[in-house]
Amino acid sequence: MHPIKIKRRFNWRGHIKANAYQVDALGDPELRYWTEALETPYAVQFSEAEEEALIDTTEALWEMSCEFLDRFFTEETPGAVGDRLTRLDILPEYSNPRKG
């Protein structure tokens, strides 16, 4: 992977606000989060091999996450799932994904 210099978009701050990013990029006084705020803005270009490695790793992480959730929400004994949710301080309204 290697960096590529880019030009700042004319309204990059407006773009952040308009797209409701989950991170408060504009709340950081030095704007370290957003690449267009850097002294020299840049993007990163990946090689095909790097892209494939990212895809494979992302798919493996997805599979592990699904396996974890299957195990977490399997009720071996009555109340086991509720106990796990309580230990994690998950609020009752979020404890049953089928409710809603």
C-alpha atoms as a PDB file:
ATOM      1  CA  MET A   1       0.000   0.000   0.000  1.00  0.00           C
ATOM      2  CA  HIS A   2       1.203   3.486  -0.644  1.00  0.00           C
ATOM      3  CA  PRO A   3      -0.147   6.990  -0.084  1.00  0.00           C
ATOM      4  CA  ILE A   4      -1.343   9.198  -2.923  1.00  0.00           C
ATOM      5  CA  LYS A   5      -1.621  12.962  -2.546  1.00  0.00           C
ATOM      6  CA  ILE A   6      -5.136  14.238  -3.066  1.00  0.00           C
ATOM      7  CA  LYS A   7      -6.749  17.648  -3.344  1.00  0.00           C
ATOM      8  CA  ARG A   8      -9.243  18.696  -0.699  1.00  0.00           C
ATOM      9  CA  ARG A   9     -12.814  18.810  -1.903  1.00  0.00           C
ATOM     10  CA  PHE A  10     -14.212  22.328  -1.909  1.00  0.00           C
ATOM     11  CA  ASN A  11     -16.865  21.549   0.728  1.00  0.00           C
ATOM     12  CA  TRP A  12     -15.346  18.609   2.630  1.00  0.00           C
ATOM     13  CA  ARG A  13     -16.591  19.876   6.019  1.00  0.00           C
ATOM     14  CA  GLY A  14     -20.109  20.193   4.627  1.00  0.00           C
ATOM     15  CA  HIS A  15     -19.805  16.666   3.232  1.00  0.00           C
ATOM     16  CA  ILE A  16     -19.029  15.336   6.708  1.00  0.00           C
ATOM     17  CA  LYS A  17     -22.038  17.130   8.222  1.00  0.00           C
ATOM     18  CA  ALA A  18     -24.420  16.205   5.406  1.00  0.00           C
ATOM     19  CA  ASN A  19     -23.580  12.515   5.537  1.00  0.00           C
ATOM     20  CA  ALA A  20     -23.982  12.140   9.322  1.00  0.00           C
ATOM     21  CA  TYR A  21     -20.788  10.236   9.946  1.00  0.00           C
ATOM     22  CA  GLN A  22     -20.835   8.263  13.198  1.00  0.00           C
ATOM     23  CA  VAL A  23     -17.532   9.763  14.312  1.00  0.00           C
ATOM     24  CA  ASP A  24     -17.510  13.392  15.370  1.00  0.00           C
ATOM     25  CA  ALA A  25     -14.764  14.258  12.895  1.00  0.00           C
ATOM     26  CA  LEU A  26     -15.434  17.966  13.212  1.00  0.00           C
ATOM     27  CA  GLY A  27     -15.358  17.825  17.034  1.00  0.00           C
ATOM     28  CA  ASP A  28     -11.626  17.051  17.014  1.00  0.00           C
ATOM     29  CA  PRO A  29      -9.911  20.449  17.304  1.00  0.00           C
ATOM     30  CA  GLU A  30      -6.966  19.245  15.240  1.00  0.00           C
ATOM     31  CA  LEU A  31      -9.122  17.176  12.868  1.00  0.00           C
ATOM     32  CA  ARG A  32      -6.728  14.252  12.996  1.00  0.00           C
ATOM     33  CA  TYR A  33      -9.455  11.814  11.966  1.00  0.00           C
ATOM     34  CA  TRP A  34     -10.249  13.213   8.532  1.00  0.00           C
ATOM     35  CA  THR A  35      -7.563  12.964   5.854  1.00  0.00           C
ATOM     36  CA  GLU A  36      -8.649  16.165   4.101  1.00  0.00           C
ATOM     37  CA  ALA A  37      -7.884  18.059   7.309  1.00  0.00           C
ATOM     38  CA  LEU A  38      -4.236  17.008   7.246  1.00  0.00           C
ATOM     39  CA  GLU A  39      -1.584  19.431   6.106  1.00  0.00           C
ATOM     40  CA  THR A  40      -0.991  17.153   3.121  1.00  0.00           C
ATOM     41  CA  PRO A  41      -4.216  15.223   2.395  1.00  0.00           C
ATOM     42  CA  TYR A  42      -3.766  11.725   1.032  1.00  0.00           C
ATOM     43  CA  ALA A  43      -5.546   8.518   0.128  1.00  0.00           C
ATOM     44  CA  VAL A  44      -4.147   5.013   0.245  1.00  0.00           C
ATOM     45  CA  GLN A  45      -3.871   2.713  -2.750  1.00  0.00           C
ATOM     46  CA  PHE A  46      -3.740  -1.036  -2.131  1.00  0.00           C
ATOM     47  CA  SER A  47      -2.240  -3.645  -4.403  1.00  0.00           C
ATOM     48  CA  GLU A  48      -4.447  -6.455  -5.701  1.00  0.00           C
ATOM     49  CA  ALA A  49      -2.805  -8.878  -3.254  1.00  0.00           C
ATOM     50  CA  GLU A  50      -3.467  -6.495  -0.355  1.00  0.00           C
ATOM     51  CA  GLU A  51      -7.099  -6.125  -1.414  1.00  0.00           C
ATOM     52  CA  GLU A  52      -7.499  -9.907  -1.534  1.00  0.00           C
ATOM     53  CA  ALA A  53      -5.922 -10.227   1.927  1.00  0.00           C
ATOM     54  CA  LEU A  54      -8.340  -7.608   3.299  1.00  0.00           C
ATOM     55  CA  ILE A  55     -11.297  -9.391   1.724  1.00  0.00           C
ATOM     56  CA  ASP A  56     -10.221 -12.778   3.089  1.00  0.00           C
ATOM     57  CA  THR A  57      -9.594 -11.342   6.551  1.00  0.00           C
ATOM     58  CA  THR A  58     -12.922  -9.502   6.577  1.00  0.00           C
ATOM     59  CA  GLU A  59     -14.779 -12.663   5.568  1.00  0.00           C
ATOM     60  CA  ALA A  60     -12.997 -14.658   8.304  1.00  0.00           C
ATOM     61  CA  LEU A  61     -13.862 -12.000  10.888  1.00  0.00           C
ATOM     62  CA  TRP A  62     -17.505 -12.055   9.744  1.00  0.00           C
ATOM     63  CA  GLU A  63     -17.626 -15.848  10.114  1.00  0.00           C
ATOM     64  CA  MET A  64     -16.063 -15.672  13.596  1.00  0.00           C
ATOM     65  CA  SER A  65     -18.542 -12.968  14.612  1.00  0.00           C
ATOM     66  CA  CYS A  66     -21.502 -15.051  13.454  1.00  0.00           C
ATOM     67  CA  GLU A  67     -20.141 -18.123  15.251  1.00  0.00           C
ATOM     68  CA  PHE A  68     -19.685 -16.092  18.444  1.00  0.00           C
ATOM     69  CA  LEU A  69     -23.237 -14.736  18.274  1.00  0.00           C
ATOM     70  CA  ASP A  70     -24.637 -18.228  17.675  1.00  0.00           C
ATOM     71  CA  ARG A  71     -22.810 -19.467  20.774  1.00  0.00           C
ATOM     72  CA  PHE A  72     -23.668 -16.392  22.843  1.00  0.00           C
ATOM     73  CA  PHE A  73     -27.394 -16.651  22.130  1.00  0.00           C
ATOM     74  CA  THR A  74     -27.628 -20.428  22.567  1.00  0.00           C
ATOM     75  CA  GLU A  75     -29.544 -21.163  25.754  1.00  0.00           C
ATOM     76  CA  GLU A  76     -27.750 -24.178  27.301  1.00  0.00           C
ATOM     77  CA  THR A  77     -29.761 -23.751  30.501  1.00  0.00           C
ATOM     78  CA  PRO A  78     -32.792 -21.564  31.204  1.00  0.00           C
ATOM     79  CA  GLY A  79     -31.684 -17.986  31.741  1.00  0.00           C
ATOM     80  CA  ALA A  80     -28.125 -18.457  30.473  1.00  0.00           C
ATOM     81  CA  VAL A  81     -28.472 -15.860  27.718  1.00  0.00           C
ATOM     82  CA  GLY A  82     -30.161 -13.402  30.074  1.00  0.00           C
ATOM     83  CA  ASP A  83     -27.323 -13.863  32.568  1.00  0.00           C
ATOM     84  CA  ARG A  84     -24.712 -13.121  29.895  1.00  0.00           C
ATOM     85  CA  LEU A  85     -26.587 -10.012  28.784  1.00  0.00           C
ATOM     86  CA  THR A  86     -26.878  -8.843  32.392  1.00  0.00           C
ATOM     87  CA  ARG A  87     -23.147  -9.348  33.007  1.00  0.00           C
ATOM     88  CA  LEU A  88     -22.463  -7.180  29.959  1.00  0.00           C
ATOM     89  CA  ASP A  89     -24.881  -4.479  31.208  1.00  0.00           C
ATOM     90  CA  ILE A  90     -26.991  -4.760  28.053  1.00  0.00           C
ATOM     91  CA  LEU A  91     -30.314  -3.026  28.634  1.00  0.00           C
ATOM     92  CA  PRO A  92     -33.431  -5.246  28.578  1.00  0.00           C
ATOM     93  CA  GLU A  93     -34.865  -3.462  25.523  1.00  0.00           C
ATOM     94  CA  TYR A  94     -31.854  -4.650  23.518  1.00  0.00           C
ATOM     95  CA  SER A  95     -31.771  -8.178  24.883  1.00  0.00           C
ATOM     96  CA  ASN A  96     -34.287  -9.704  22.463  1.00  0.00           C
ATOM     97  CA  PRO A  97     -33.579  -8.884  18.808  1.00  0.00           C
ATOM     98  CA  ARG A  98     -36.955 -10.390  17.801  1.00  0.00           C
ATOM     99  CA  LYS A  99     -38.869  -7.768  19.788  1.00  0.00           C
ATOM    100  CA  GLY A 100     -39.485  -4.495  18.125  1.00  0.00           C
END
